[in-house]
Amino acid sequence: MANANSYLGNGITFPLKRAGSDFENTSGPQLVFSSIPFVLLTLADGGNIQGDIPWDTGFGSQLIRMKFSSLEGLALRAFVEHWVVEALYLNEPRILVRDLLVEKKEREIQITITVSTISEDVDGNDVRSFVERDVNVNLPF
């Protein structure tokens, strides 16, 4: 019998952790949520910058541009929100971003993303129904 969340897939979690002689694997929502930092912390093509992954340079986000930015307040939130939502929309179709909180501390940007996973897989991932339970994912950056 198939897992109730088999449409969410199974695979290696991020960050990579050893589990015996292989890397740790998981499935369902846990796998989807573990992919969020992988997507957001990988540099994608943009402007005069080539993406980090040579065989898929479009994978990732432009969030790294904010690392040393002097932007604050609404301007910082607008850029972060744009790059987070765009990257997750393009690279992680199994989730919907529900809310985003951006806080700038001394040398760090703290991003809290509230997301939901899809509740069913349909052709082309044109999904309109999501799991009711939202999950917060914290990303210190």
Protein backbone atom coordinates (compact mmCIF):
# COMPACT_ATOMS: atom_id res chain seq x y z
CA MET A 1 0.00 0.00 0.00
CA ALA A 2 1.35 3.44 -0.95
CA ASN A 3 2.12 6.08 1.62
CA ALA A 4 -0.65 8.68 1.95
CA ASN A 5 1.90 11.41 1.11
CA SER A 6 3.71 9.51 -1.68
CA TYR A 7 2.95 12.34 -4.14
CA LEU A 8 5.37 14.48 -2.08
CA GLY A 9 8.20 12.10 -2.94
CA ASN A 10 11.11 10.65 -1.02
CA GLY A 11 14.79 11.40 -1.10
CA ILE A 12 17.86 12.81 0.61
CA THR A 13 17.26 15.52 3.20
CA PHE A 14 19.02 18.87 3.41
CA PRO A 15 21.37 19.56 5.07
CA LEU A 16 23.14 16.34 4.18
CA LYS A 17 23.56 14.02 7.16
CA ARG A 18 25.09 10.56 7.25
CA ALA A 19 22.87 7.64 8.23
CA GLY A 20 25.12 4.60 8.34
CA SER A 21 26.86 4.18 4.99
CA ASP A 22 24.44 6.45 3.13
CA PHE A 23 22.82 9.87 3.50
CA GLU A 24 19.68 10.39 5.57
CA ASN A 25 16.46 9.92 3.58
CA THR A 26 12.92 10.98 4.34
CA SER A 27 9.59 11.41 2.58
CA GLY A 28 6.40 13.45 2.66
CA PRO A 29 6.19 16.92 4.19
CA GLN A 30 9.52 16.52 6.04
CA LEU A 31 11.31 16.11 2.69
CA VAL A 32 9.52 19.09 1.17
CA PHE A 33 10.32 21.37 4.11
CA SER A 34 13.97 20.27 4.15
CA SER A 35 14.29 21.40 0.52
CA ILE A 36 13.45 25.03 1.32
CA PRO A 37 16.92 26.01 2.64
CA PHE A 38 18.53 24.09 -0.25
CA VAL A 39 16.56 26.14 -2.79
CA LEU A 40 17.01 29.50 -1.06
CA LEU A 41 20.72 29.16 -0.21
CA THR A 42 21.72 28.02 -3.72
CA LEU A 43 22.62 30.89 -6.04
CA ALA A 44 20.64 30.97 -9.31
CA ASP A 45 21.47 32.76 -12.55
CA GLY A 46 20.83 36.46 -12.40
CA GLY A 47 22.31 39.56 -13.95
CA ASN A 48 25.97 38.84 -14.57
CA ILE A 49 26.09 35.96 -12.07
CA GLN A 50 26.12 32.28 -13.05
CA GLY A 51 24.20 29.88 -10.82
CA ASP A 52 25.94 27.50 -8.40
CA ILE A 53 24.83 24.26 -10.03
CA PRO A 54 26.55 23.96 -13.45
CA TRP A 55 23.97 21.60 -14.99
CA ASP A 56 20.98 23.67 -13.77
CA THR A 57 22.13 27.26 -13.32
CA GLY A 58 18.54 28.50 -12.98
CA PHE A 59 17.98 26.44 -9.82
CA GLY A 60 18.05 28.44 -6.58
CA SER A 61 17.43 32.05 -5.66
CA GLN A 62 18.97 35.50 -5.67
CA LEU A 63 18.68 35.74 -1.88
CA ILE A 64 22.48 35.78 -1.50
CA ARG A 65 22.38 39.36 -2.85
CA MET A 66 20.86 40.45 0.48
CA LYS A 67 23.71 39.05 2.58
CA PHE A 68 25.67 42.30 2.64
CA SER A 69 22.88 44.69 1.73
CA SER A 70 22.35 47.91 3.64
CA LEU A 71 18.61 47.79 2.96
CA GLU A 72 16.27 47.78 5.93
CA GLY A 73 12.55 47.82 6.67
CA LEU A 74 10.06 47.65 3.81
CA ALA A 75 12.70 47.72 1.07
CA LEU A 76 14.53 44.73 2.57
CA ARG A 77 11.26 42.84 3.03
CA ALA A 78 10.17 43.57 -0.56
CA PHE A 79 13.40 42.18 -2.08
CA VAL A 80 13.51 39.16 0.22
CA GLU A 81 9.83 38.39 -0.33
CA HIS A 82 10.21 38.63 -4.11
CA TRP A 83 13.25 36.36 -4.26
CA VAL A 84 11.89 33.81 -1.75
CA VAL A 85 8.45 33.51 -3.36
CA GLU A 86 9.88 33.42 -6.90
CA ALA A 87 12.51 30.78 -6.08
CA LEU A 88 10.08 28.51 -4.24
CA TYR A 89 7.43 28.89 -6.94
CA LEU A 90 9.90 27.92 -9.68
CA ASN A 91 11.86 25.23 -7.82
CA GLU A 92 9.50 23.70 -5.23
CA PRO A 93 6.00 23.29 -6.69
CA ARG A 94 4.89 21.14 -3.74
CA ILE A 95 4.48 24.15 -1.44
CA LEU A 96 2.65 27.45 -1.14
CA VAL A 97 4.17 30.38 0.76
CA ARG A 98 1.51 31.62 3.18
CA ASP A 99 3.46 34.30 5.07
CA LEU A 100 6.95 35.73 5.35
CA LEU A 101 8.62 37.52 8.25
CA VAL A 102 11.96 39.27 7.71
CA GLU A 103 14.04 40.61 10.60
CA LYS A 104 17.45 42.21 10.22
CA LYS A 105 19.77 41.77 13.16
CA GLU A 106 23.36 43.00 13.43
CA ARG A 107 25.01 40.69 10.90
CA GLU A 108 22.14 38.39 10.05
CA ILE A 109 18.80 38.39 8.32
CA GLN A 110 16.29 36.08 10.00
CA ILE A 111 13.63 34.82 7.60
CA THR A 112 10.59 32.92 8.85
CA ILE A 113 8.52 31.39 6.06
CA THR A 114 5.07 29.93 6.69
CA VAL A 115 4.33 27.27 4.08
CA SER A 116 1.83 24.51 3.31
CA THR A 117 2.32 21.41 1.18
CA ILE A 118 0.06 20.33 -1.65
CA SER A 119 -2.65 17.87 -0.69
CA GLU A 120 -2.82 16.12 -4.04
CA ASP A 121 -0.82 15.87 -7.22
CA VAL A 122 -2.58 16.90 -10.40
CA ASP A 123 -1.38 17.18 -13.96
CA GLY A 124 1.09 20.05 -14.33
CA ASN A 125 1.01 20.73 -10.57
CA ASP A 126 -1.87 23.14 -11.08
CA VAL A 127 -2.84 22.69 -7.45
CA ARG A 128 -5.55 24.64 -5.67
CA SER A 129 -5.88 22.59 -2.46
CA PHE A 130 -3.23 22.52 0.23
CA VAL A 131 -2.80 20.76 3.53
CA GLU A 132 -4.52 22.87 6.16
CA ARG A 133 -1.62 22.76 8.60
CA ASP A 134 0.91 25.55 8.03
CA VAL A 135 4.54 25.06 9.04
CA ASN A 136 7.08 27.74 9.90
CA VAL A 137 10.56 27.31 8.46
CA ASN A 138 13.29 29.49 9.99
CA LEU A 139 16.25 30.48 7.87
CA PRO A 140 19.04 32.45 9.51
CA PHE A 141 20.91 34.11 6.69
